Amino acid sequence: MNTIGCPNRTQLENWLRSKGVGNIRYMELNNLNSIIEGVIADLGASFVPQSAIKEYEENGLLKSFPIPEQYNTTRTFFIRRKDSLMTTSLSKFIEMIEEKTPYQRLVPKNNKSN
């Protein structure tokens, strides 16, 4: 069975294919800490946010390097339950995201049948 994986995995696959690496074995882990610990244990390599490994690099446990620009971005979404209370704090947080982050607002799909 071939699973799709996360966006980081897709970017990694694309980058490796561009370098002629096509036969890749995967170990799927369900959280960032497990991925990082797996790399430290020499189980493989991964794409992870640089902020997640800062301490590990400072302690000499990991080494990272920049990824070519066309492979170093993934789309990330902020989500919330549609009927949750819009608090002042949440409203300010969303406002901050909208002001500071280049993004494309997605319009919810209309679920009505035509």
PDB file of N, CA and C in Angstrom:
ATOM      1  N   MET A   1       0.837  -1.180   0.000  1.00  0.00           N
ATOM      2  CA  MET A   1       0.000   0.000   0.000  1.00  0.00           C
ATOM      3  C   MET A   1       0.882   1.243   0.000  1.00  0.00           C
ATOM      4  N   ASN A   2       0.590   2.197  -0.825  1.00  0.00           N
ATOM      5  CA  ASN A   2       1.358   3.422  -0.911  1.00  0.00           C
ATOM      6  C   ASN A   2       0.547   4.561  -0.301  1.00  0.00           C
ATOM      7  N   THR A   3       0.992   5.065   0.835  1.00  0.00           N
ATOM      8  CA  THR A   3       0.283   6.167   1.478  1.00  0.00           C
ATOM      9  C   THR A   3       0.805   7.495   0.958  1.00  0.00           C
ATOM     10  N   ILE A   4      -0.018   8.515   1.071  1.00  0.00           N
ATOM     11  CA  ILE A   4       0.347   9.830   0.554  1.00  0.00           C
ATOM     12  C   ILE A   4       1.345  10.531   1.459  1.00  0.00           C
ATOM     13  N   GLY A   5       1.172  10.481   2.770  1.00  0.00           N
ATOM     14  CA  GLY A   5       2.093  11.154   3.681  1.00  0.00           C
ATOM     15  C   GLY A   5       1.790  12.629   3.802  1.00  0.00           C
ATOM     16  N   CYS A   6       2.634  13.307   4.531  1.00  0.00           N
ATOM     17  CA  CYS A   6       2.436  14.734   4.787  1.00  0.00           C
ATOM     18  C   CYS A   6       3.063  15.570   3.675  1.00  0.00           C
ATOM     19  N   PRO A   7       2.762  16.868   3.639  1.00  0.00           N
ATOM     20  CA  PRO A   7       3.341  17.728   2.600  1.00  0.00           C
ATOM     21  C   PRO A   7       4.869  17.741   2.627  1.00  0.00           C
ATOM     22  N   ASN A   8       5.473  17.668   3.812  1.00  0.00           N
ATOM     23  CA  ASN A   8       6.928  17.635   3.872  1.00  0.00           C
ATOM     24  C   ASN A   8       7.468  16.402   3.161  1.00  0.00           C
ATOM     25  N   ARG A   9       6.789  15.286   3.316  1.00  0.00           N
ATOM     26  CA  ARG A   9       7.222  14.064   2.636  1.00  0.00           C
ATOM     27  C   ARG A   9       7.145  14.242   1.123  1.00  0.00           C
ATOM     28  N   THR A  10       6.088  14.848   0.641  1.00  0.00           N
ATOM     29  CA  THR A  10       5.951  15.093  -0.798  1.00  0.00           C
ATOM     30  C   THR A  10       7.095  15.958  -1.300  1.00  0.00           C
ATOM     31  N   GLN A  11       7.423  17.009  -0.562  1.00  0.00           N
ATOM     32  CA  GLN A  11       8.526  17.884  -0.959  1.00  0.00           C
ATOM     33  C   GLN A  11       9.848  17.116  -0.962  1.00  0.00           C
ATOM     34  N   LEU A  12      10.069  16.291   0.064  1.00  0.00           N
ATOM     35  CA  LEU A  12      11.285  15.486   0.133  1.00  0.00           C
ATOM     36  C   LEU A  12      11.361  14.530  -1.051  1.00  0.00           C
ATOM     37  N   GLU A  13      10.263  13.847  -1.362  1.00  0.00           N
ATOM     38  CA  GLU A  13      10.229  12.928  -2.506  1.00  0.00           C
ATOM     39  C   GLU A  13      10.562  13.663  -3.804  1.00  0.00           C
ATOM     40  N   ASN A  14       9.979  14.835  -4.001  1.00  0.00           N
ATOM     41  CA  ASN A  14      10.225  15.612  -5.214  1.00  0.00           C
ATOM     42  C   ASN A  14      11.688  16.020  -5.324  1.00  0.00           C
ATOM     43  N   TRP A  15      12.254  16.470  -4.223  1.00  0.00           N
ATOM     44  CA  TRP A  15      13.652  16.895  -4.221  1.00  0.00           C
ATOM     45  C   TRP A  15      14.577  15.711  -4.509  1.00  0.00           C
ATOM     46  N   LEU A  16      14.335  14.580  -3.837  1.00  0.00           N
ATOM     47  CA  LEU A  16      15.178  13.413  -4.058  1.00  0.00           C
ATOM     48  C   LEU A  16      15.069  12.913  -5.504  1.00  0.00           C
ATOM     49  N   ARG A  17      13.855  12.911  -6.065  1.00  0.00           N
ATOM     50  CA  ARG A  17      13.685  12.501  -7.463  1.00  0.00           C
ATOM     51  C   ARG A  17      14.472  13.415  -8.397  1.00  0.00           C
ATOM     52  N   SER A  18      14.484  14.732  -8.071  1.00  0.00           N
ATOM     53  CA  SER A  18      15.228  15.681  -8.910  1.00  0.00           C
ATOM     54  C   SER A  18      16.726  15.400  -8.868  1.00  0.00           C
ATOM     55  N   LYS A  19      17.172  14.706  -7.835  1.00  0.00           N
ATOM     56  CA  LYS A  19      18.589  14.329  -7.696  1.00  0.00           C
ATOM     57  C   LYS A  19      18.845  12.901  -8.158  1.00  0.00           C
ATOM     58  N   GLY A  20      17.829  12.253  -8.742  1.00  0.00           N
ATOM     59  CA  GLY A  20      17.991  10.920  -9.273  1.00  0.00           C
ATOM     60  C   GLY A  20      17.779   9.806  -8.265  1.00  0.00           C
ATOM     61  N   VAL A  21      17.259  10.127  -7.100  1.00  0.00           N
ATOM     62  CA  VAL A  21      16.991   9.119  -6.078  1.00  0.00           C
ATOM     63  C   VAL A  21      15.520   8.760  -6.170  1.00  0.00           C
ATOM     64  N   GLY A  22      15.219   7.521  -6.520  1.00  0.00           N
ATOM     65  CA  GLY A  22      13.829   7.157  -6.725  1.00  0.00           C
ATOM     66  C   GLY A  22      13.315   6.036  -5.859  1.00  0.00           C
ATOM     67  N   ASN A  23      14.185   5.139  -5.423  1.00  0.00           N
ATOM     68  CA  ASN A  23      13.744   3.998  -4.629  1.00  0.00           C
ATOM     69  C   ASN A  23      13.950   4.327  -3.148  1.00  0.00           C
ATOM     70  N   ILE A  24      12.929   4.896  -2.541  1.00  0.00           N
ATOM     71  CA  ILE A  24      13.044   5.397  -1.170  1.00  0.00           C
ATOM     72  C   ILE A  24      12.226   4.524  -0.237  1.00  0.00           C
ATOM     73  N   ARG A  25      12.825   4.095   0.858  1.00  0.00           N
ATOM     74  CA  ARG A  25      12.085   3.353   1.888  1.00  0.00           C
ATOM     75  C   ARG A  25      11.639   4.336   2.954  1.00  0.00           C
ATOM     76  N   TYR A  26      10.416   4.145   3.449  1.00  0.00           N
ATOM     77  CA  TYR A  26       9.846   5.068   4.419  1.00  0.00           C
ATOM     78  C   TYR A  26       9.558   4.380   5.732  1.00  0.00           C
ATOM     79  N   MET A  27       9.701   5.147   6.783  1.00  0.00           N
ATOM     80  CA  MET A  27       9.226   4.747   8.103  1.00  0.00           C
ATOM     81  C   MET A  27       8.275   5.869   8.507  1.00  0.00           C
ATOM     82  N   GLU A  28       7.021   5.547   8.670  1.00  0.00           N
ATOM     83  CA  GLU A  28       6.043   6.577   8.997  1.00  0.00           C
ATOM     84  C   GLU A  28       5.898   6.708  10.505  1.00  0.00           C
ATOM     85  N   LEU A  29       6.106   7.921  10.985  1.00  0.00           N
ATOM     86  CA  LEU A  29       5.971   8.233  12.404  1.00  0.00           C
ATOM     87  C   LEU A  29       4.902   9.307  12.533  1.00  0.00           C
ATOM     88  N   ASN A  30       4.194   9.297  13.654  1.00  0.00           N
ATOM     89  CA  ASN A  30       3.023  10.172  13.738  1.00  0.00           C
ATOM     90  C   ASN A  30       3.223  11.475  14.495  1.00  0.00           C
ATOM     91  N   ASN A  31       4.454  11.782  14.914  1.00  0.00           N
ATOM     92  CA  ASN A  31       4.655  13.090  15.531  1.00  0.00           C
ATOM     93  C   ASN A  31       6.091  13.554  15.336  1.00  0.00           C
ATOM     94  N   LEU A  32       6.278  14.842  15.442  1.00  0.00           N
ATOM     95  CA  LEU A  32       7.550  15.474  15.151  1.00  0.00           C
ATOM     96  C   LEU A  32       8.670  14.973  16.061  1.00  0.00           C
ATOM     97  N   ASN A  33       8.393  14.806  17.346  1.00  0.00           N
ATOM     98  CA  ASN A  33       9.439  14.340  18.259  1.00  0.00           C
ATOM     99  C   ASN A  33       9.921  12.948  17.885  1.00  0.00           C
ATOM    100  N   SER A  34       9.015  12.071  17.476  1.00  0.00           N
ATOM    101  CA  SER A  34       9.408  10.726  17.053  1.00  0.00           C
ATOM    102  C   SER A  34      10.281  10.781  15.805  1.00  0.00           C
ATOM    103  N   ILE A  35       9.958  11.664  14.895  1.00  0.00           N
ATOM    104  CA  ILE A  35      10.758  11.825  13.679  1.00  0.00           C
ATOM    105  C   ILE A  35      12.168  12.271  14.028  1.00  0.00           C
ATOM    106  N   ILE A  36      12.272  13.278  14.883  1.00  0.00           N
ATOM    107  CA  ILE A  36      13.586  13.803  15.277  1.00  0.00           C
ATOM    108  C   ILE A  36      14.394  12.739  16.008  1.00  0.00           C
ATOM    109  N   GLU A  37      13.775  12.049  16.943  1.00  0.00           N
ATOM    110  CA  GLU A  37      14.478  10.995  17.682  1.00  0.00           C
ATOM    111  C   GLU A  37      14.906   9.865  16.746  1.00  0.00           C
ATOM    112  N   GLY A  38      14.099   9.568  15.734  1.00  0.00           N
ATOM    113  CA  GLY A  38      14.469   8.554  14.752  1.00  0.00           C
ATOM    114  C   GLY A  38      15.704   8.953  13.958  1.00  0.00           C
ATOM    115  N   VAL A  39      15.788  10.210  13.595  1.00  0.00           N
ATOM    116  CA  VAL A  39      16.970  10.690  12.872  1.00  0.00           C
ATOM    117  C   VAL A  39      18.199  10.614  13.779  1.00  0.00           C
ATOM    118  N   ILE A  40      18.047  11.030  15.036  1.00  0.00           N
ATOM    119  CA  ILE A  40      19.165  10.947  15.991  1.00  0.00           C
ATOM    120  C   ILE A  40      19.623   9.500  16.158  1.00  0.00           C
ATOM    121  N   ALA A  41      18.686   8.552  16.122  1.00  0.00           N
ATOM    122  CA  ALA A  41      19.009   7.132  16.260  1.00  0.00           C
ATOM    123  C   ALA A  41      19.534   6.530  14.950  1.00  0.00           C
ATOM    124  N   ASP A  42      19.745   7.363  13.926  1.00  0.00           N
ATOM    125  CA  ASP A  42      20.296   6.938  12.636  1.00  0.00           C
ATOM    126  C   ASP A  42      19.351   6.029  11.844  1.00  0.00           C
ATOM    127  N   LEU A  43      18.039   6.279  11.983  1.00  0.00           N
ATOM    128  CA  LEU A  43      17.061   5.520  11.213  1.00  0.00           C
ATOM    129  C   LEU A  43      16.835   6.113   9.831  1.00  0.00           C
ATOM    130  N   GLY A  44      17.297   7.333   9.607  1.00  0.00           N
ATOM    131  CA  GLY A  44      17.087   7.962   8.311  1.00  0.00           C
ATOM    132  C   GLY A  44      17.236   9.462   8.386  1.00  0.00           C
ATOM    133  N   ALA A  45      16.584  10.131   7.455  1.00  0.00           N
ATOM    134  CA  ALA A  45      16.631  11.588   7.347  1.00  0.00           C
ATOM    135  C   ALA A  45      15.214  12.097   7.155  1.00  0.00           C
ATOM    136  N   SER A  46      14.991  13.379   7.368  1.00  0.00           N
ATOM    137  CA  SER A  46      13.647  13.916   7.235  1.00  0.00           C
ATOM    138  C   SER A  46      13.682  15.408   6.966  1.00  0.00           C
ATOM    139  N   PHE A  47      12.563  15.924   6.486  1.00  0.00           N
ATOM    140  CA  PHE A  47      12.298  17.351   6.406  1.00  0.00           C
ATOM    141  C   PHE A  47      11.525  17.711   7.664  1.00  0.00           C
ATOM    142  N   VAL A  48      12.016  18.660   8.430  1.00  0.00           N
ATOM    143  CA  VAL A  48      11.306  19.153   9.609  1.00  0.00           C
ATOM    144  C   VAL A  48      11.512  20.656   9.694  1.00  0.00           C
ATOM    145  N   PRO A  49      10.661  21.357  10.430  1.00  0.00           N
ATOM    146  CA  PRO A  49      10.871  22.799  10.600  1.00  0.00           C
ATOM    147  C   PRO A  49      12.180  23.052  11.362  1.00  0.00           C
ATOM    148  N   GLN A  50      12.931  24.029  10.891  1.00  0.00           N
ATOM    149  CA  GLN A  50      14.204  24.350  11.533  1.00  0.00           C
ATOM    150  C   GLN A  50      14.017  24.695  13.009  1.00  0.00           C
ATOM    151  N   SER A  51      12.918  25.359  13.327  1.00  0.00           N
ATOM    152  CA  SER A  51      12.673  25.749  14.722  1.00  0.00           C
ATOM    153  C   SER A  51      12.557  24.530  15.638  1.00  0.00           C
ATOM    154  N   ALA A  52      12.161  23.386  15.097  1.00  0.00           N
ATOM    155  CA  ALA A  52      11.976  22.181  15.907  1.00  0.00           C
ATOM    156  C   ALA A  52      13.290  21.514  16.279  1.00  0.00           C
ATOM    157  N   ILE A  53      14.359  21.832  15.565  1.00  0.00           N
ATOM    158  CA  ILE A  53      15.626  21.136  15.817  1.00  0.00           C
ATOM    159  C   ILE A  53      16.735  22.047  16.330  1.00  0.00           C
ATOM    160  N   LYS A  54      16.415  23.286  16.617  1.00  0.00           N
ATOM    161  CA  LYS A  54      17.427  24.255  17.034  1.00  0.00           C
ATOM    162  C   LYS A  54      18.267  23.744  18.203  1.00  0.00           C
ATOM    163  N   GLU A  55      17.612  23.293  19.263  1.00  0.00           N
ATOM    164  CA  GLU A  55      18.349  22.791  20.432  1.00  0.00           C
ATOM    165  C   GLU A  55      19.179  21.565  20.099  1.00  0.00           C
ATOM    166  N   TYR A  56      18.640  20.678  19.286  1.00  0.00           N
ATOM    167  CA  TYR A  56      19.365  19.470  18.904  1.00  0.00           C
ATOM    168  C   TYR A  56      20.649  19.821  18.146  1.00  0.00           C
ATOM    169  N   GLU A  57      20.561  20.815  17.275  1.00  0.00           N
ATOM    170  CA  GLU A  57      21.747  21.254  16.541  1.00  0.00           C
ATOM    171  C   GLU A  57      22.753  21.911  17.481  1.00  0.00           C
ATOM    172  N   GLU A  58      22.248  22.772  18.371  1.00  0.00           N
ATOM    173  CA  GLU A  58      23.136  23.444  19.328  1.00  0.00           C
ATOM    174  C   GLU A  58      23.872  22.443  20.210  1.00  0.00           C
ATOM    175  N   ASN A  59      23.235  21.304  20.491  1.00  0.00           N
ATOM    176  CA  ASN A  59      23.854  20.259  21.319  1.00  0.00           C
ATOM    177  C   ASN A  59      24.654  19.247  20.498  1.00  0.00           C
ATOM    178  N   GLY A  60      24.771  19.474  19.192  1.00  0.00           N
ATOM    179  CA  GLY A  60      25.575  18.617  18.341  1.00  0.00           C
ATOM    180  C   GLY A  60      24.945  17.281  18.004  1.00  0.00           C
ATOM    181  N   LEU A  61      23.634  17.147  18.196  1.00  0.00           N
ATOM    182  CA  LEU A  61      22.969  15.875  17.921  1.00  0.00           C
ATOM    183  C   LEU A  61      22.497  15.741  16.482  1.00  0.00           C
ATOM    184  N   LEU A  62      22.283  16.856  15.818  1.00  0.00           N
ATOM    185  CA  LEU A  62      21.796  16.868  14.439  1.00  0.00           C
ATOM    186  C   LEU A  62      22.551  17.905  13.634  1.00  0.00           C
ATOM    187  N   LYS A  63      22.547  17.723  12.331  1.00  0.00           N
ATOM    188  CA  LYS A  63      23.061  18.726  11.406  1.00  0.00           C
ATOM    189  C   LYS A  63      21.990  18.942  10.342  1.00  0.00           C
ATOM    190  N   SER A  64      21.744  20.188  10.030  1.00  0.00           N
ATOM    191  CA  SER A  64      20.760  20.504   8.993  1.00  0.00           C
ATOM    192  C   SER A  64      21.427  21.336   7.917  1.00  0.00           C
ATOM    193  N   PHE A  65      20.760  21.446   6.801  1.00  0.00           N
ATOM    194  CA  PHE A  65      21.243  22.298   5.728  1.00  0.00           C
ATOM    195  C   PHE A  65      20.046  22.803   4.951  1.00  0.00           C
ATOM    196  N   PRO A  66      20.217  23.956   4.302  1.00  0.00           N
ATOM    197  CA  PRO A  66      19.092  24.541   3.561  1.00  0.00           C
ATOM    198  C   PRO A  66      18.681  23.665   2.381  1.00  0.00           C
ATOM    199  N   ILE A  67      17.418  23.735   2.061  1.00  0.00           N
ATOM    200  CA  ILE A  67      16.823  23.000   0.959  1.00  0.00           C
ATOM    201  C   ILE A  67      16.600  23.987  -0.187  1.00  0.00           C
ATOM    202  N   PRO A  68      16.788  23.564  -1.431  1.00  0.00           N
ATOM    203  CA  PRO A  68      16.511  24.476  -2.545  1.00  0.00           C
ATOM    204  C   PRO A  68      15.108  25.081  -2.422  1.00  0.00           C
ATOM    205  N   GLU A  69      15.009  26.350  -2.769  1.00  0.00           N
ATOM    206  CA  GLU A  69      13.775  27.106  -2.548  1.00  0.00           C
ATOM    207  C   GLU A  69      12.516  26.435  -3.080  1.00  0.00           C
ATOM    208  N   GLN A  70      12.589  25.808  -4.243  1.00  0.00           N
ATOM    209  CA  GLN A  70      11.387  25.200  -4.817  1.00  0.00           C
ATOM    210  C   GLN A  70      10.883  24.014  -4.008  1.00  0.00           C
ATOM    211  N   TYR A  71      11.678  23.504  -3.064  1.00  0.00           N
ATOM    212  CA  TYR A  71      11.271  22.355  -2.249  1.00  0.00           C
ATOM    213  C   TYR A  71      11.118  22.697  -0.767  1.00  0.00           C
ATOM    214  N   ASN A  72      11.288  23.941  -0.384  1.00  0.00           N
ATOM    215  CA  ASN A  72      11.320  24.249   1.049  1.00  0.00           C
ATOM    216  C   ASN A  72      10.072  24.941   1.599  1.00  0.00           C
ATOM    217  N   THR A  73       8.976  24.841   0.899  1.00  0.00           N
ATOM    218  CA  THR A  73       7.740  25.427   1.422  1.00  0.00           C
ATOM    219  C   THR A  73       6.600  24.411   1.362  1.00  0.00           C
ATOM    220  N   THR A  74       5.757  24.477   2.352  1.00  0.00           N
ATOM    221  CA  THR A  74       4.535  23.679   2.353  1.00  0.00           C
ATOM    222  C   THR A  74       3.405  24.583   2.811  1.00  0.00           C
ATOM    223  N   ARG A  75       2.221  24.255   2.399  1.00  0.00           N
ATOM    224  CA  ARG A  75       1.052  25.027   2.821  1.00  0.00           C
ATOM    225  C   ARG A  75       0.613  24.539   4.188  1.00  0.00           C
ATOM    226  N   THR A  76       0.412  25.468   5.084  1.00  0.00           N
ATOM    227  CA  THR A  76      -0.030  25.171   6.439  1.00  0.00           C
ATOM    228  C   THR A  76      -1.328  25.933   6.680  1.00  0.00           C
ATOM    229  N   PHE A  77      -2.254  25.302   7.373  1.00  0.00           N
ATOM    230  CA  PHE A  77      -3.554  25.914   7.600  1.00  0.00           C
ATOM    231  C   PHE A  77      -3.820  26.060   9.087  1.00  0.00           C
ATOM    232  N   PHE A  78      -4.437  27.158   9.448  1.00  0.00           N
ATOM    233  CA  PHE A  78      -4.955  27.362  10.796  1.00  0.00           C
ATOM    234  C   PHE A  78      -6.428  26.983  10.727  1.00  0.00           C
ATOM    235  N   ILE A  79      -6.829  26.065  11.561  1.00  0.00           N
ATOM    236  CA  ILE A  79      -8.220  25.625  11.537  1.00  0.00           C
ATOM    237  C   ILE A  79      -8.835  25.752  12.919  1.00  0.00           C
ATOM    238  N   ARG A  80     -10.152  25.844  12.942  1.00  0.00           N
ATOM    239  CA  ARG A  80     -10.906  25.831  14.200  1.00  0.00           C
ATOM    240  C   ARG A  80     -12.288  25.304  13.892  1.00  0.00           C
ATOM    241  N   ARG A  81     -12.957  24.829  14.923  1.00  0.00           N
ATOM    242  CA  ARG A  81     -14.320  24.354  14.743  1.00  0.00           C
ATOM    243  C   ARG A  81     -15.185  25.526  14.295  1.00  0.00           C
ATOM    244  N   LYS A  82     -16.042  25.293  13.303  1.00  0.00           N
ATOM    245  CA  LYS A  82     -16.789  26.405  12.701  1.00  0.00           C
ATOM    246  C   LYS A  82     -17.743  27.088  13.664  1.00  0.00           C
ATOM    247  N   ASP A  83     -18.240  26.377  14.673  1.00  0.00           N
ATOM    248  CA  ASP A  83     -19.170  27.010  15.607  1.00  0.00           C
ATOM    249  C   ASP A  83     -18.520  27.338  16.960  1.00  0.00           C
ATOM    250  N   SER A  84     -17.174  27.363  16.997  1.00  0.00           N
ATOM    251  CA  SER A  84     -16.512  27.697  18.263  1.00  0.00           C
ATOM    252  C   SER A  84     -16.620  29.194  18.544  1.00  0.00           C
ATOM    253  N   LEU A  85     -16.526  29.529  19.805  1.00  0.00           N
ATOM    254  CA  LEU A  85     -16.630  30.916  20.240  1.00  0.00           C
ATOM    255  C   LEU A  85     -15.440  31.712  19.735  1.00  0.00           C
ATOM    256  N   MET A  86     -15.703  32.842  19.107  1.00  0.00           N
ATOM    257  CA  MET A  86     -14.645  33.714  18.629  1.00  0.00           C
ATOM    258  C   MET A  86     -14.292  34.677  19.757  1.00  0.00           C
ATOM    259  N   THR A  87     -13.279  34.312  20.529  1.00  0.00           N
ATOM    260  CA  THR A  87     -12.858  35.158  21.641  1.00  0.00           C
ATOM    261  C   THR A  87     -12.047  36.340  21.115  1.00  0.00           C
ATOM    262  N   THR A  88     -11.843  37.334  21.954  1.00  0.00           N
ATOM    263  CA  THR A  88     -11.026  38.480  21.579  1.00  0.00           C
ATOM    264  C   THR A  88      -9.602  38.032  21.278  1.00  0.00           C
ATOM    265  N   SER A  89      -9.081  37.119  22.084  1.00  0.00           N
ATOM    266  CA  SER A  89      -7.713  36.619  21.870  1.00  0.00           C
ATOM    267  C   SER A  89      -7.592  35.902  20.536  1.00  0.00           C
ATOM    268  N   LEU A  90      -8.547  35.041  20.221  1.00  0.00           N
ATOM    269  CA  LEU A  90      -8.510  34.322  18.960  1.00  0.00           C
ATOM    270  C   LEU A  90      -8.642  35.292  17.794  1.00  0.00           C
ATOM    271  N   SER A  91      -9.519  36.263  17.916  1.00  0.00           N
ATOM    272  CA  SER A  91      -9.704  37.253  16.867  1.00  0.00           C
ATOM    273  C   SER A  91      -8.412  38.028  16.617  1.00  0.00           C
ATOM    274  N   LYS A  92      -7.725  38.425  17.683  1.00  0.00           N
ATOM    275  CA  LYS A  92      -6.447  39.153  17.560  1.00  0.00           C
ATOM    276  C   LYS A  92      -5.377  38.259  16.931  1.00  0.00           C
ATOM    277  N   PHE A  93      -5.372  36.973  17.309  1.00  0.00           N
ATOM    278  CA  PHE A  93      -4.411  36.043  16.749  1.00  0.00           C
ATOM    279  C   PHE A  93      -4.618  35.905  15.242  1.00  0.00           C
ATOM    280  N   ILE A  94      -5.843  35.729  14.812  1.00  0.00           N
ATOM    281  CA  ILE A  94      -6.154  35.613  13.386  1.00  0.00           C
ATOM    282  C   ILE A  94      -5.768  36.904  12.659  1.00  0.00           C
ATOM    283  N   GLU A  95      -6.060  38.035  13.269  1.00  0.00           N
ATOM    284  CA  GLU A  95      -5.703  39.322  12.678  1.00  0.00           C
ATOM    285  C   GLU A  95      -4.188  39.417  12.494  1.00  0.00           C
ATOM    286  N   MET A  96      -3.434  38.967  13.491  1.00  0.00           N
ATOM    287  CA  MET A  96      -1.981  38.997  13.409  1.00  0.00           C
ATOM    288  C   MET A  96      -1.489  38.099  12.262  1.00  0.00           C
ATOM    289  N   ILE A  97      -2.061  36.920  12.134  1.00  0.00           N
ATOM    290  CA  ILE A  97      -1.682  36.020  11.045  1.00  0.00           C
ATOM    291  C   ILE A  97      -1.949  36.685   9.697  1.00  0.00           C
ATOM    292  N   GLU A  98      -3.122  37.277   9.566  1.00  0.00           N
ATOM    293  CA  GLU A  98      -3.492  37.905   8.298  1.00  0.00           C
ATOM    294  C   GLU A  98      -2.580  39.079   7.952  1.00  0.00           C
ATOM    295  N   GLU A  99      -2.126  39.827   8.946  1.00  0.00           N
ATOM    296  CA  GLU A  99      -1.259  40.980   8.696  1.00  0.00           C
ATOM    297  C   GLU A  99       0.179  40.577   8.401  1.00  0.00           C
ATOM    298  N   LYS A 100       0.679  39.545   9.050  1.00  0.00           N
ATOM    299  CA  LYS A 100       2.105  39.203   8.996  1.00  0.00           C
ATOM    300  C   LYS A 100       2.462  38.071   8.045  1.00  0.00           C
ATOM    301  N   THR A 101       1.480  37.346   7.554  1.00  0.00           N
ATOM    302  CA  THR A 101       1.767  36.143   6.779  1.00  0.00           C
ATOM    303  C   THR A 101       1.169  36.245   5.391  1.00  0.00           C
ATOM    304  N   PRO A 102       2.010  36.038   4.364  1.00  0.00           N
ATOM    305  CA  PRO A 102       1.423  35.977   3.022  1.00  0.00           C
ATOM    306  C   PRO A 102       0.622  34.683   2.907  1.00  0.00           C
ATOM    307  N   TYR A 103      -0.608  34.800   2.542  1.00  0.00           N
ATOM    308  CA  TYR A 103      -1.449  33.613   2.453  1.00  0.00           C
ATOM    309  C   TYR A 103      -2.530  33.846   1.422  1.00  0.00           C
ATOM    310  N   GLN A 104      -3.176  32.765   1.099  1.00  0.00           N
ATOM    311  CA  GLN A 104      -4.324  32.834   0.194  1.00  0.00           C
ATOM    312  C   GLN A 104      -5.518  32.322   0.974  1.00  0.00           C
ATOM    313  N   ARG A 105      -6.507  33.151   1.160  1.00  0.00           N
ATOM    314  CA  ARG A 105      -7.694  32.749   1.902  1.00  0.00           C
ATOM    315  C   ARG A 105      -8.504  31.787   1.053  1.00  0.00           C
ATOM    316  N   LEU A 106      -8.841  30.666   1.622  1.00  0.00           N
ATOM    317  CA  LEU A 106      -9.658  29.689   0.927  1.00  0.00           C
ATOM    318  C   LEU A 106     -11.109  29.883   1.326  1.00  0.00           C
ATOM    319  N   VAL A 107     -11.971  29.898   0.355  1.00  0.00           N
ATOM    320  CA  VAL A 107     -13.394  30.044   0.605  1.00  0.00           C
ATOM    321  C   VAL A 107     -13.974  28.652   0.826  1.00  0.00           C
ATOM    322  N   PRO A 108     -14.732  28.441   1.915  1.00  0.00           N
ATOM    323  CA  PRO A 108     -15.324  27.111   2.155  1.00  0.00           C
ATOM    324  C   PRO A 108     -16.181  26.675   0.974  1.00  0.00           C
ATOM    325  N   LYS A 109     -16.117  25.395   0.687  1.00  0.00           N
ATOM    326  CA  LYS A 109     -16.926  24.845  -0.404  1.00  0.00           C
ATOM    327  C   LYS A 109     -18.383  24.842  -0.006  1.00  0.00           C
ATOM    328  N   ASN A 110     -19.243  25.099  -0.956  1.00  0.00           N
ATOM    329  CA  ASN A 110     -20.674  25.063  -0.729  1.00  0.00           C
ATOM    330  C   ASN A 110     -21.111  23.601  -0.814  1.00  0.00           C
ATOM    331  N   ASN A 111     -21.657  23.082   0.263  1.00  0.00           N
ATOM    332  CA  ASN A 111     -22.041  21.673   0.308  1.00  0.00           C
ATOM    333  C   ASN A 111     -23.445  21.394  -0.247  1.00  0.00           C
ATOM    334  N   LYS A 112     -24.132  22.412  -0.707  1.00  0.00           N
ATOM    335  CA  LYS A 112     -25.472  22.225  -1.253  1.00  0.00           C
ATOM    336  C   LYS A 112     -25.406  21.608  -2.641  1.00  0.00           C
ATOM    337  N   SER A 113     -26.317  20.702  -2.904  1.00  0.00           N
ATOM    338  CA  SER A 113     -26.416  20.109  -4.237  1.00  0.00           C
ATOM    339  C   SER A 113     -27.171  21.048  -5.148  1.00  0.00           C
ATOM    340  N   ASN A 114     -26.725  21.169  -6.389  1.00  0.00           N
ATOM    341  CA  ASN A 114     -27.412  22.036  -7.361  1.00  0.00           C
ATOM    342  C   ASN A 114     -28.288  21.246  -8.268  1.00  0.00           C
TER     343      ASN A 114
END
